[in-house]
Amino acid sequence: MVDAGARLGLAVSRKVDRRAVVRNRIKRGLRESFRAQRTRLAPGEYVVVARPGAAALDAAALQRALLTLLQRAGALPPAPPAGTMPTAACTDRVQPPSR
């Protein structure tokens, strides 16, 4: 059997939205977000159950929600802190100019 890597299972019920168009939009957005992160994930099966609030979100918000979920589950490393200052690890390598 060939290792399939990370696989995604989606459950988007009629409770999320009664219209199939909306449910399919949610599934497409989640699949695309997952596909973009697939190489960073450990092999295994990931199952996402959409909640009714997902119907009100746009594609970018769905992507952020999935990334947050994967980080909370420990499947992705936490996002680096925002800002322009280098981290402590970067500043340790910088040598001051000699006089």
C-alpha atoms as a PDB file:
ATOM      1  CA  MET A   1       0.000   0.000   0.000  1.00  0.00           C
ATOM      2  CA  VAL A   2       1.289   3.461  -0.917  1.00  0.00           C
ATOM      3  CA  ASP A   3       1.528   6.045   1.871  1.00  0.00           C
ATOM      4  CA  ALA A   4      -1.142   8.626   1.102  1.00  0.00           C
ATOM      5  CA  GLY A   5       0.240  11.325   3.404  1.00  0.00           C
ATOM      6  CA  ALA A   6      -2.266  13.644   5.022  1.00  0.00           C
ATOM      7  CA  ARG A   7      -5.866  13.014   4.010  1.00  0.00           C
ATOM      8  CA  LEU A   8      -8.912  15.176   4.633  1.00  0.00           C
ATOM      9  CA  GLY A   9     -12.442  14.128   5.497  1.00  0.00           C
ATOM     10  CA  LEU A  10     -15.203  16.737   5.510  1.00  0.00           C
ATOM     11  CA  ALA A  11     -18.667  16.706   7.035  1.00  0.00           C
ATOM     12  CA  VAL A  12     -20.867  19.648   6.096  1.00  0.00           C
ATOM     13  CA  SER A  13     -24.447  18.798   6.960  1.00  0.00           C
ATOM     14  CA  ARG A  14     -27.708  20.499   6.071  1.00  0.00           C
ATOM     15  CA  LYS A  15     -27.655  22.048   9.538  1.00  0.00           C
ATOM     16  CA  VAL A  16     -24.821  24.279   8.320  1.00  0.00           C
ATOM     17  CA  ASP A  17     -26.955  25.569   5.445  1.00  0.00           C
ATOM     18  CA  ARG A  18     -29.874  23.987   3.651  1.00  0.00           C
ATOM     19  CA  ARG A  19     -28.539  25.075   0.243  1.00  0.00           C
ATOM     20  CA  ALA A  20     -26.122  22.664  -1.432  1.00  0.00           C
ATOM     21  CA  VAL A  21     -24.371  25.566  -3.174  1.00  0.00           C
ATOM     22  CA  VAL A  22     -23.294  27.015   0.177  1.00  0.00           C
ATOM     23  CA  ARG A  23     -22.247  23.627   1.580  1.00  0.00           C
ATOM     24  CA  ASN A  24     -20.164  22.927  -1.534  1.00  0.00           C
ATOM     25  CA  ARG A  25     -18.516  26.375  -1.318  1.00  0.00           C
ATOM     26  CA  ILE A  26     -17.473  25.583   2.262  1.00  0.00           C
ATOM     27  CA  LYS A  27     -16.058  22.204   1.221  1.00  0.00           C
ATOM     28  CA  ARG A  28     -14.134  23.704  -1.715  1.00  0.00           C
ATOM     29  CA  GLY A  29     -12.609  26.377   0.507  1.00  0.00           C
ATOM     30  CA  LEU A  30     -11.577  23.902   3.189  1.00  0.00           C
ATOM     31  CA  ARG A  31     -10.116  21.481   0.640  1.00  0.00           C
ATOM     32  CA  GLU A  32      -8.054  24.233  -0.979  1.00  0.00           C
ATOM     33  CA  SER A  33      -6.735  25.427   2.384  1.00  0.00           C
ATOM     34  CA  PHE A  34      -5.873  21.873   3.383  1.00  0.00           C
ATOM     35  CA  ARG A  35      -4.147  21.243   0.056  1.00  0.00           C
ATOM     36  CA  ALA A  36      -1.913  24.271   0.628  1.00  0.00           C
ATOM     37  CA  GLN A  37      -0.828  22.957   4.063  1.00  0.00           C
ATOM     38  CA  ARG A  38      -0.676  19.250   3.202  1.00  0.00           C
ATOM     39  CA  THR A  39       3.105  19.058   2.890  1.00  0.00           C
ATOM     40  CA  ARG A  40       3.544  20.511   6.407  1.00  0.00           C
ATOM     41  CA  LEU A  41       1.192  17.960   8.004  1.00  0.00           C
ATOM     42  CA  ALA A  42       2.105  14.566   9.373  1.00  0.00           C
ATOM     43  CA  PRO A  43       0.652  11.602   7.462  1.00  0.00           C
ATOM     44  CA  GLY A  44      -2.766  10.644   8.728  1.00  0.00           C
ATOM     45  CA  GLU A  45      -6.448  11.334   8.450  1.00  0.00           C
ATOM     46  CA  TYR A  46      -7.858  14.715   9.391  1.00  0.00           C
ATOM     47  CA  VAL A  47     -11.633  15.022   9.805  1.00  0.00           C
ATOM     48  CA  VAL A  48     -13.310  18.437   9.901  1.00  0.00           C
ATOM     49  CA  VAL A  49     -16.948  18.876  10.887  1.00  0.00           C
ATOM     50  CA  ALA A  50     -18.301  22.256   9.801  1.00  0.00           C
ATOM     51  CA  ARG A  51     -20.534  24.213  12.167  1.00  0.00           C
ATOM     52  CA  PRO A  52     -23.450  26.472  11.136  1.00  0.00           C
ATOM     53  CA  GLY A  53     -21.289  29.589  11.538  1.00  0.00           C
ATOM     54  CA  ALA A  54     -19.149  28.442   8.588  1.00  0.00           C
ATOM     55  CA  ALA A  55     -21.898  29.468   6.153  1.00  0.00           C
ATOM     56  CA  ALA A  56     -21.383  33.143   7.026  1.00  0.00           C
ATOM     57  CA  LEU A  57     -17.589  33.097   6.482  1.00  0.00           C
ATOM     58  CA  ASP A  58     -15.770  34.001   3.307  1.00  0.00           C
ATOM     59  CA  ALA A  59     -12.917  31.927   1.855  1.00  0.00           C
ATOM     60  CA  ALA A  60     -10.170  33.819   3.720  1.00  0.00           C
ATOM     61  CA  ALA A  61     -11.944  33.432   7.060  1.00  0.00           C
ATOM     62  CA  LEU A  62     -12.473  29.703   6.417  1.00  0.00           C
ATOM     63  CA  GLN A  63      -8.759  29.349   5.674  1.00  0.00           C
ATOM     64  CA  ARG A  64      -7.797  31.159   8.890  1.00  0.00           C
ATOM     65  CA  ALA A  65     -10.229  29.000  10.871  1.00  0.00           C
ATOM     66  CA  LEU A  66      -8.764  25.772   9.447  1.00  0.00           C
ATOM     67  CA  LEU A  67      -5.176  26.906  10.103  1.00  0.00           C
ATOM     68  CA  THR A  68      -6.081  27.857  13.674  1.00  0.00           C
ATOM     69  CA  LEU A  69      -7.771  24.499  14.161  1.00  0.00           C
ATOM     70  CA  LEU A  70      -4.743  22.584  12.854  1.00  0.00           C
ATOM     71  CA  GLN A  71      -2.431  24.619  15.110  1.00  0.00           C
ATOM     72  CA  ARG A  72      -4.624  24.022  18.175  1.00  0.00           C
ATOM     73  CA  ALA A  73      -4.650  20.297  17.392  1.00  0.00           C
ATOM     74  CA  GLY A  74      -0.846  20.293  17.220  1.00  0.00           C
ATOM     75  CA  ALA A  75      -0.774  19.277  13.563  1.00  0.00           C
ATOM     76  CA  LEU A  76       0.905  22.556  12.530  1.00  0.00           C
ATOM     77  CA  PRO A  77       3.506  24.585  14.413  1.00  0.00           C
ATOM     78  CA  PRO A  78       2.232  27.862  15.873  1.00  0.00           C
ATOM     79  CA  ALA A  79       2.386  30.875  13.620  1.00  0.00           C
ATOM     80  CA  PRO A  80       5.467  33.077  14.088  1.00  0.00           C
ATOM     81  CA  PRO A  81       4.773  36.257  16.045  1.00  0.00           C
ATOM     82  CA  ALA A  82       3.964  39.269  13.927  1.00  0.00           C
ATOM     83  CA  GLY A  83       6.390  42.157  13.961  1.00  0.00           C
ATOM     84  CA  THR A  84       9.578  43.472  12.485  1.00  0.00           C
ATOM     85  CA  MET A  85      11.983  42.726  15.324  1.00  0.00           C
ATOM     86  CA  PRO A  86      14.184  39.640  14.844  1.00  0.00           C
ATOM     87  CA  THR A  87      13.803  36.809  17.294  1.00  0.00           C
ATOM     88  CA  ALA A  88      16.404  36.158  19.995  1.00  0.00           C
ATOM     89  CA  ALA A  89      17.825  33.263  17.994  1.00  0.00           C
ATOM     90  CA  CYS A  90      18.556  35.604  15.079  1.00  0.00           C
ATOM     91  CA  THR A  91      20.229  38.268  17.215  1.00  0.00           C
ATOM     92  CA  ASP A  92      22.618  35.749  18.798  1.00  0.00           C
ATOM     93  CA  ARG A  93      24.307  35.235  15.431  1.00  0.00           C
ATOM     94  CA  VAL A  94      24.894  38.909  14.714  1.00  0.00           C
ATOM     95  CA  GLN A  95      28.389  40.031  15.681  1.00  0.00           C
ATOM     96  CA  PRO A  96      28.933  43.666  16.614  1.00  0.00           C
ATOM     97  CA  PRO A  97      31.476  45.503  14.469  1.00  0.00           C
ATOM     98  CA  SER A  98      34.997  45.510  15.905  1.00  0.00           C
ATOM     99  CA  ARG A  99      36.626  48.837  16.667  1.00  0.00           C
END
